[in-house]
Structure formats: structure tokens, C-alpha cells
N, C-alpha and C. Protein backbone atom coordinates (compact mmCIF):
# COMPACT_ATOMS: atom_id res chain seq x y z
N MET A 1 127.90 -13.70 124.34
CA MET A 1 127.73 -14.40 123.09
C MET A 1 126.76 -15.53 123.30
N MET A 2 125.95 -15.79 122.34
CA MET A 2 125.00 -16.88 122.41
C MET A 2 125.74 -18.19 122.15
N VAL A 3 125.47 -19.18 122.95
CA VAL A 3 126.10 -20.47 122.79
C VAL A 3 125.13 -21.39 122.08
N GLY A 4 125.55 -21.93 120.95
CA GLY A 4 124.68 -22.79 120.15
C GLY A 4 124.96 -24.26 120.40
N SER A 5 124.23 -25.09 119.72
CA SER A 5 124.36 -26.52 119.91
C SER A 5 125.67 -27.06 119.32
N ASN A 6 126.35 -26.30 118.45
CA ASN A 6 127.59 -26.75 117.85
C ASN A 6 128.80 -26.40 118.70
N ASP A 7 128.62 -25.70 119.79
CA ASP A 7 129.74 -25.27 120.62
C ASP A 7 130.24 -26.44 121.46
N ARG A 8 131.58 -26.50 121.61
CA ARG A 8 132.18 -27.57 122.39
C ARG A 8 133.35 -27.00 123.18
N PHE A 9 133.60 -27.59 124.32
CA PHE A 9 134.76 -27.25 125.11
C PHE A 9 135.69 -28.45 125.05
N VAL A 10 136.92 -28.24 124.64
CA VAL A 10 137.87 -29.33 124.46
C VAL A 10 139.11 -29.03 125.29
N PHE A 11 139.53 -29.99 126.10
CA PHE A 11 140.74 -29.84 126.89
C PHE A 11 141.76 -30.82 126.36
N ARG A 12 142.98 -30.33 126.12
CA ARG A 12 144.03 -31.22 125.68
C ARG A 12 145.38 -30.63 126.03
N ALA A 13 146.41 -31.46 126.02
CA ALA A 13 147.76 -30.98 126.36
C ALA A 13 148.27 -30.08 125.25
N ALA A 14 149.06 -29.08 125.61
CA ALA A 14 149.56 -28.10 124.66
C ALA A 14 150.43 -28.73 123.59
N HIS A 15 151.17 -29.79 123.92
CA HIS A 15 152.05 -30.38 122.92
C HIS A 15 151.26 -31.05 121.79
N GLU A 16 149.97 -31.24 121.96
CA GLU A 16 149.12 -31.82 120.92
C GLU A 16 148.62 -30.77 119.95
N THR A 17 148.79 -29.49 120.24
CA THR A 17 148.20 -28.46 119.40
C THR A 17 149.23 -27.55 118.79
N SER A 18 149.44 -26.37 119.35
CA SER A 18 150.26 -25.36 118.71
C SER A 18 151.66 -25.29 119.29
N ALA A 19 152.61 -24.91 118.45
CA ALA A 19 153.99 -24.77 118.90
C ALA A 19 154.16 -23.53 119.75
N SER A 20 153.22 -22.57 119.64
CA SER A 20 153.34 -21.33 120.40
C SER A 20 152.88 -21.48 121.84
N ALA A 21 152.30 -22.61 122.19
CA ALA A 21 151.81 -22.81 123.56
C ALA A 21 153.00 -22.96 124.51
N HIS A 22 152.81 -22.58 125.75
CA HIS A 22 153.86 -22.62 126.73
C HIS A 22 154.03 -24.01 127.30
N ALA A 23 155.26 -24.53 127.24
CA ALA A 23 155.64 -25.81 127.83
C ALA A 23 154.59 -26.88 127.55
N LEU A 24 154.19 -27.59 128.59
CA LEU A 24 153.20 -28.65 128.43
C LEU A 24 151.95 -28.35 129.24
N LEU A 25 151.58 -27.10 129.33
CA LEU A 25 150.38 -26.72 130.07
C LEU A 25 149.14 -27.15 129.29
N PRO A 26 148.08 -27.54 129.99
CA PRO A 26 146.85 -27.89 129.28
C PRO A 26 146.21 -26.65 128.67
N GLU A 27 145.45 -26.87 127.62
CA GLU A 27 144.77 -25.78 126.92
C GLU A 27 143.28 -25.98 126.97
N MET A 28 142.56 -24.88 126.77
CA MET A 28 141.13 -24.93 126.63
C MET A 28 140.81 -24.40 125.24
N VAL A 29 140.04 -25.16 124.48
CA VAL A 29 139.66 -24.77 123.13
C VAL A 29 138.15 -24.62 123.10
N ILE A 30 137.70 -23.44 122.67
CA ILE A 30 136.27 -23.19 122.52
C ILE A 30 135.99 -23.06 121.03
N ARG A 31 135.10 -23.89 120.53
CA ARG A 31 134.74 -23.87 119.11
C ARG A 31 133.31 -23.38 118.98
N PHE A 32 133.10 -22.49 118.00
CA PHE A 32 131.76 -21.99 117.76
C PHE A 32 131.64 -21.57 116.30
N VAL A 33 130.42 -21.28 115.88
CA VAL A 33 130.18 -20.85 114.50
C VAL A 33 129.53 -19.48 114.50
N VAL A 34 129.82 -18.74 113.45
CA VAL A 34 129.17 -17.45 113.22
C VAL A 34 128.39 -17.60 111.92
N GLN A 35 127.09 -17.41 112.00
CA GLN A 35 126.22 -17.55 110.84
C GLN A 35 126.35 -16.34 109.92
N PRO A 36 126.10 -16.50 108.63
CA PRO A 36 126.13 -15.36 107.70
C PRO A 36 125.15 -14.28 108.16
N GLY A 37 125.58 -13.04 108.13
CA GLY A 37 124.72 -11.93 108.54
C GLY A 37 124.68 -11.69 110.04
N GLN A 38 125.33 -12.55 110.83
CA GLN A 38 125.34 -12.43 112.28
C GLN A 38 126.66 -11.78 112.72
N THR A 39 126.59 -10.88 113.68
CA THR A 39 127.78 -10.31 114.30
C THR A 39 127.82 -10.77 115.74
N THR A 40 128.97 -11.32 116.14
CA THR A 40 129.14 -11.87 117.47
C THR A 40 130.19 -11.07 118.22
N SER A 41 129.95 -10.78 119.47
CA SER A 41 130.90 -10.07 120.31
C SER A 41 131.46 -11.03 121.34
N TRP A 42 132.74 -10.86 121.66
CA TRP A 42 133.40 -11.73 122.63
C TRP A 42 134.39 -10.92 123.42
N ARG A 43 134.40 -11.09 124.74
CA ARG A 43 135.42 -10.47 125.60
C ARG A 43 136.38 -11.57 126.00
N VAL A 44 137.64 -11.40 125.65
CA VAL A 44 138.67 -12.42 125.87
C VAL A 44 139.06 -12.44 127.35
N GLN A 45 138.90 -13.59 127.99
CA GLN A 45 139.18 -13.73 129.41
C GLN A 45 140.65 -14.02 129.70
N SER A 46 141.39 -14.56 128.73
CA SER A 46 142.82 -14.81 128.89
C SER A 46 143.47 -14.74 127.51
N ASP A 47 144.79 -14.56 127.49
CA ASP A 47 145.49 -14.50 126.21
C ASP A 47 145.10 -15.72 125.39
N SER A 48 144.74 -15.49 124.12
CA SER A 48 144.20 -16.56 123.29
C SER A 48 144.68 -16.44 121.86
N GLU A 49 144.46 -17.52 121.12
CA GLU A 49 144.66 -17.52 119.69
C GLU A 49 143.32 -17.81 119.03
N LEU A 50 142.92 -16.96 118.10
CA LEU A 50 141.69 -17.15 117.35
C LEU A 50 142.08 -17.81 116.03
N ARG A 51 141.47 -18.94 115.71
CA ARG A 51 141.74 -19.65 114.46
C ARG A 51 140.47 -19.73 113.63
N VAL A 52 140.62 -19.54 112.34
CA VAL A 52 139.49 -19.60 111.42
C VAL A 52 139.49 -20.97 110.76
N GLY A 53 138.37 -21.70 110.89
CA GLY A 53 138.27 -23.03 110.32
C GLY A 53 137.72 -23.03 108.91
N THR A 54 136.61 -22.35 108.70
CA THR A 54 136.01 -22.28 107.37
C THR A 54 135.50 -20.87 107.14
N ALA A 55 135.46 -20.48 105.92
CA ALA A 55 134.92 -19.18 105.48
C ALA A 55 135.79 -18.01 105.96
N ARG A 56 135.70 -16.92 105.25
CA ARG A 56 136.43 -15.70 105.60
C ARG A 56 135.72 -15.00 106.74
N VAL A 57 136.51 -14.48 107.71
CA VAL A 57 135.94 -13.87 108.91
C VAL A 57 136.46 -12.45 109.05
N TRP A 58 135.55 -11.55 109.39
CA TRP A 58 135.90 -10.16 109.67
C TRP A 58 136.01 -10.00 111.18
N VAL A 59 137.12 -9.40 111.65
CA VAL A 59 137.37 -9.22 113.08
C VAL A 59 137.66 -7.75 113.34
N THR A 60 136.99 -7.18 114.32
CA THR A 60 137.28 -5.83 114.81
C THR A 60 137.70 -5.95 116.25
N ARG A 61 138.81 -5.27 116.60
CA ARG A 61 139.33 -5.28 117.96
C ARG A 61 139.08 -3.91 118.57
N ILE A 62 138.74 -3.89 119.86
CA ILE A 62 138.33 -2.64 120.50
C ILE A 62 139.45 -1.60 120.51
N PHE A 63 140.70 -1.99 120.69
CA PHE A 63 141.79 -1.02 120.81
C PHE A 63 142.57 -0.85 119.52
N SER A 64 142.09 -1.40 118.43
CA SER A 64 142.81 -1.32 117.16
C SER A 64 142.04 -0.46 116.16
N PRO A 65 142.72 0.42 115.44
CA PRO A 65 142.04 1.22 114.43
C PRO A 65 141.78 0.43 113.15
N TYR A 66 142.27 -0.82 113.09
CA TYR A 66 142.17 -1.62 111.87
C TYR A 66 141.14 -2.74 112.03
N ASP A 67 140.57 -3.14 110.91
CA ASP A 67 139.75 -4.35 110.84
C ASP A 67 140.61 -5.43 110.20
N TYR A 68 140.30 -6.68 110.51
CA TYR A 68 141.06 -7.80 109.98
C TYR A 68 140.13 -8.71 109.20
N TRP A 69 140.57 -9.15 108.02
CA TRP A 69 139.88 -10.17 107.26
C TRP A 69 140.75 -11.41 107.32
N LEU A 70 140.28 -12.43 108.00
CA LEU A 70 141.04 -13.65 108.18
C LEU A 70 140.51 -14.74 107.27
N GLN A 71 141.42 -15.43 106.61
CA GLN A 71 141.07 -16.53 105.71
C GLN A 71 141.12 -17.85 106.49
N THR A 72 140.66 -18.92 105.88
CA THR A 72 140.70 -20.24 106.49
C THR A 72 142.14 -20.58 106.88
N GLY A 73 142.34 -20.97 108.14
CA GLY A 73 143.67 -21.34 108.62
C GLY A 73 144.43 -20.20 109.27
N ASP A 74 143.98 -18.96 109.12
CA ASP A 74 144.66 -17.82 109.72
C ASP A 74 144.50 -17.83 111.24
N VAL A 75 145.52 -17.27 111.93
CA VAL A 75 145.52 -17.20 113.39
C VAL A 75 145.74 -15.75 113.80
N LEU A 76 144.98 -15.29 114.79
CA LEU A 76 145.12 -13.94 115.34
C LEU A 76 145.30 -14.07 116.85
N ARG A 77 146.38 -13.49 117.38
CA ARG A 77 146.61 -13.53 118.83
C ARG A 77 145.84 -12.41 119.50
N LEU A 78 145.16 -12.75 120.59
CA LEU A 78 144.34 -11.80 121.33
C LEU A 78 144.85 -11.72 122.77
N THR A 79 144.72 -10.54 123.36
CA THR A 79 145.17 -10.36 124.74
C THR A 79 143.99 -10.33 125.70
N ARG A 80 144.26 -10.70 126.93
CA ARG A 80 143.24 -10.75 127.97
C ARG A 80 142.57 -9.39 128.15
N GLY A 81 141.24 -9.41 128.26
CA GLY A 81 140.48 -8.18 128.47
C GLY A 81 140.04 -7.51 127.19
N GLU A 82 140.55 -7.96 126.08
CA GLU A 82 140.22 -7.36 124.78
C GLU A 82 138.81 -7.78 124.35
N ARG A 83 138.08 -6.89 123.71
CA ARG A 83 136.77 -7.21 123.15
C ARG A 83 136.91 -7.24 121.64
N ILE A 84 136.30 -8.27 121.03
CA ILE A 84 136.34 -8.40 119.58
C ILE A 84 134.92 -8.60 119.06
N TRP A 85 134.73 -8.25 117.79
CA TRP A 85 133.48 -8.50 117.08
C TRP A 85 133.82 -9.34 115.87
N LEU A 86 133.01 -10.36 115.61
CA LEU A 86 133.24 -11.30 114.51
C LEU A 86 132.03 -11.34 113.60
N SER A 87 132.31 -11.47 112.30
CA SER A 87 131.24 -11.62 111.32
C SER A 87 131.84 -12.31 110.10
N THR A 88 130.99 -12.76 109.21
CA THR A 88 131.45 -13.38 107.97
C THR A 88 130.64 -12.86 106.80
N ASP A 89 131.28 -12.78 105.64
CA ASP A 89 130.57 -12.36 104.44
C ASP A 89 130.30 -13.54 103.51
N ALA A 90 130.62 -14.74 103.96
CA ALA A 90 130.40 -15.95 103.17
C ALA A 90 128.93 -16.36 103.21
N ASN A 91 128.57 -17.27 102.34
CA ASN A 91 127.20 -17.80 102.31
C ASN A 91 127.04 -19.00 103.23
N MET A 92 128.09 -19.32 103.96
CA MET A 92 128.06 -20.46 104.88
C MET A 92 128.54 -20.02 106.26
N ALA A 93 128.29 -20.83 107.25
CA ALA A 93 128.72 -20.52 108.62
C ALA A 93 130.24 -20.58 108.72
N ALA A 94 130.81 -19.67 109.48
CA ALA A 94 132.25 -19.65 109.70
C ALA A 94 132.56 -20.37 111.00
N GLU A 95 133.42 -21.38 110.94
CA GLU A 95 133.84 -22.11 112.12
C GLU A 95 135.06 -21.43 112.71
N ILE A 96 135.01 -21.15 114.01
CA ILE A 96 136.07 -20.40 114.69
C ILE A 96 136.42 -21.14 115.98
N SER A 97 137.69 -21.08 116.35
CA SER A 97 138.10 -21.64 117.64
C SER A 97 138.97 -20.63 118.38
N LEU A 98 138.81 -20.58 119.68
CA LEU A 98 139.64 -19.77 120.57
C LEU A 98 140.41 -20.73 121.47
N THR A 99 141.73 -20.64 121.46
CA THR A 99 142.59 -21.51 122.25
C THR A 99 143.32 -20.69 123.29
N SER A 100 143.25 -21.11 124.54
CA SER A 100 143.96 -20.41 125.61
C SER A 100 144.44 -21.44 126.63
N ALA A 101 145.36 -21.01 127.48
CA ALA A 101 145.83 -21.90 128.55
C ALA A 101 144.68 -22.16 129.50
N TYR A 102 144.58 -23.38 129.96
CA TYR A 102 143.52 -23.75 130.89
C TYR A 102 143.79 -23.11 132.25
N ALA A 103 142.83 -22.37 132.76
CA ALA A 103 142.98 -21.69 134.05
C ALA A 103 142.33 -22.53 135.15
N VAL A 104 143.11 -22.85 136.15
CA VAL A 104 142.60 -23.61 137.29
C VAL A 104 141.80 -22.66 138.17
N ALA A 105 140.67 -23.11 138.67
CA ALA A 105 139.84 -22.28 139.55
C ALA A 105 140.63 -21.89 140.79
N ARG A 106 140.57 -20.62 141.14
CA ARG A 106 141.30 -20.11 142.30
C ARG A 106 140.33 -19.68 143.38
N LYS A 107 140.83 -19.63 144.58
CA LYS A 107 140.02 -19.18 145.70
C LYS A 107 139.83 -17.67 145.63
N PRO A 108 138.76 -17.16 146.23
CA PRO A 108 138.46 -15.72 146.14
C PRO A 108 139.61 -14.81 146.55
N LEU A 109 140.36 -15.16 147.57
CA LEU A 109 141.48 -14.33 148.01
C LEU A 109 142.53 -14.20 146.92
N PHE A 110 142.84 -15.32 146.25
CA PHE A 110 143.82 -15.28 145.16
C PHE A 110 143.31 -14.46 143.98
N LYS A 111 142.01 -14.56 143.69
CA LYS A 111 141.43 -13.76 142.61
C LYS A 111 141.54 -12.28 142.92
N TRP A 112 141.28 -11.92 144.17
CA TRP A 112 141.35 -10.52 144.57
C TRP A 112 142.78 -10.00 144.48
N VAL A 113 143.76 -10.80 144.92
CA VAL A 113 145.17 -10.40 144.85
C VAL A 113 145.59 -10.24 143.39
N GLU A 114 145.17 -11.15 142.52
CA GLU A 114 145.49 -11.03 141.10
C GLU A 114 144.85 -9.79 140.49
N TRP A 115 143.59 -9.52 140.86
CA TRP A 115 142.92 -8.32 140.36
C TRP A 115 143.68 -7.07 140.79
N LEU A 116 144.09 -7.01 142.05
CA LEU A 116 144.83 -5.86 142.57
C LEU A 116 146.17 -5.70 141.85
N ARG A 117 146.86 -6.79 141.61
CA ARG A 117 148.13 -6.75 140.87
C ARG A 117 147.93 -6.21 139.47
N ASN A 118 146.91 -6.68 138.77
CA ASN A 118 146.62 -6.20 137.42
C ASN A 118 146.21 -4.74 137.42
N PHE A 119 145.44 -4.32 138.43
CA PHE A 119 145.02 -2.93 138.54
C PHE A 119 146.22 -2.01 138.71
N ILE A 120 147.14 -2.39 139.58
CA ILE A 120 148.36 -1.59 139.79
C ILE A 120 149.20 -1.55 138.52
N ALA A 121 149.29 -2.67 137.82
CA ALA A 121 150.04 -2.71 136.56
C ALA A 121 149.41 -1.79 135.53
N ASP A 122 148.07 -1.76 135.44
CA ASP A 122 147.38 -0.89 134.50
C ASP A 122 147.63 0.58 134.83
N ILE A 123 147.62 0.93 136.11
CA ILE A 123 147.87 2.31 136.52
C ILE A 123 149.29 2.72 136.15
N SER A 124 150.25 1.83 136.37
CA SER A 124 151.64 2.18 136.03
C SER A 124 151.82 2.32 134.53
N LEU A 125 151.07 1.58 133.72
CA LEU A 125 151.14 1.73 132.26
C LEU A 125 150.63 3.11 131.85
N LEU A 126 149.55 3.57 132.48
CA LEU A 126 149.01 4.88 132.15
C LEU A 126 150.00 5.99 132.49
N ARG A 127 150.70 5.85 133.60
CA ARG A 127 151.68 6.86 134.01
C ARG A 127 152.90 6.87 133.11
N SER A 128 153.28 5.71 132.57
CA SER A 128 154.50 5.64 131.77
C SER A 128 154.33 6.25 130.39
N ARG A 129 153.12 6.45 129.95
CA ARG A 129 152.87 7.04 128.62
C ARG A 129 152.94 8.50 128.76
């Protein structure tokens, strides 16, 4: 996704934002705008909540057969690894924010172990279906 001059990264404690956040873990909030006629793609790096600030927003999720039209103030929960496409049909820019738990940088060994754990979990999900 292209990062514009209106994009900001905001860190704050979870108790200052949403009731759905876990305990008092810090959050990362990414705010951006989608211009009219522009379609933006985003791959979600961690479980997040997408909030619509202004204008109606169209959202398509890679694993969902449905499209979503979100109004101002609506929230959509997204899962890690999911790809979404965003657009607006309004005559003004749509302000959007993605809120997720703040991830502390990990050492390469821990990243590899986490990747392996997730890979094994994905394989077991395929077998259970």
C-alpha cells in the first residue's frame, strides 16, 4: 500500500481505546485515507480491527464470498494473514484506521519457531476438514 503524508502511527494503552482489546497491552493504530476512485490492498500482519472514520467504505476479503459496505463508525475484525481491498464511492476521502496489539520485535530464532508453530497449525487445520 502506498503511504501518504496523512498516515500516522499511534501507540497507546489498550484501556484508552476499545473494550475488545486484551487486558492492558499496548496497541498500534495505523491511520490512512483512501481517495475516491482508488482501490487499496492491505495484508493484515496481526489480528486487527478496521474502523471507518468518514465516508462509506467497500471492503473485500480474500477468503470471504461477500463484500462489505461499512458506514462511518463501523468496525470489522480482521485475522492475521488476511488480504483485504478497500475503496470508497463517496466524493471525499475515506479515513480508515487499523488497530492491533503492538508486537515487540523478536529475535530471528523466535520468529522461526513462531513460523514453524503456525505452519504446523495450518497443516492440522487442513487435515481436520
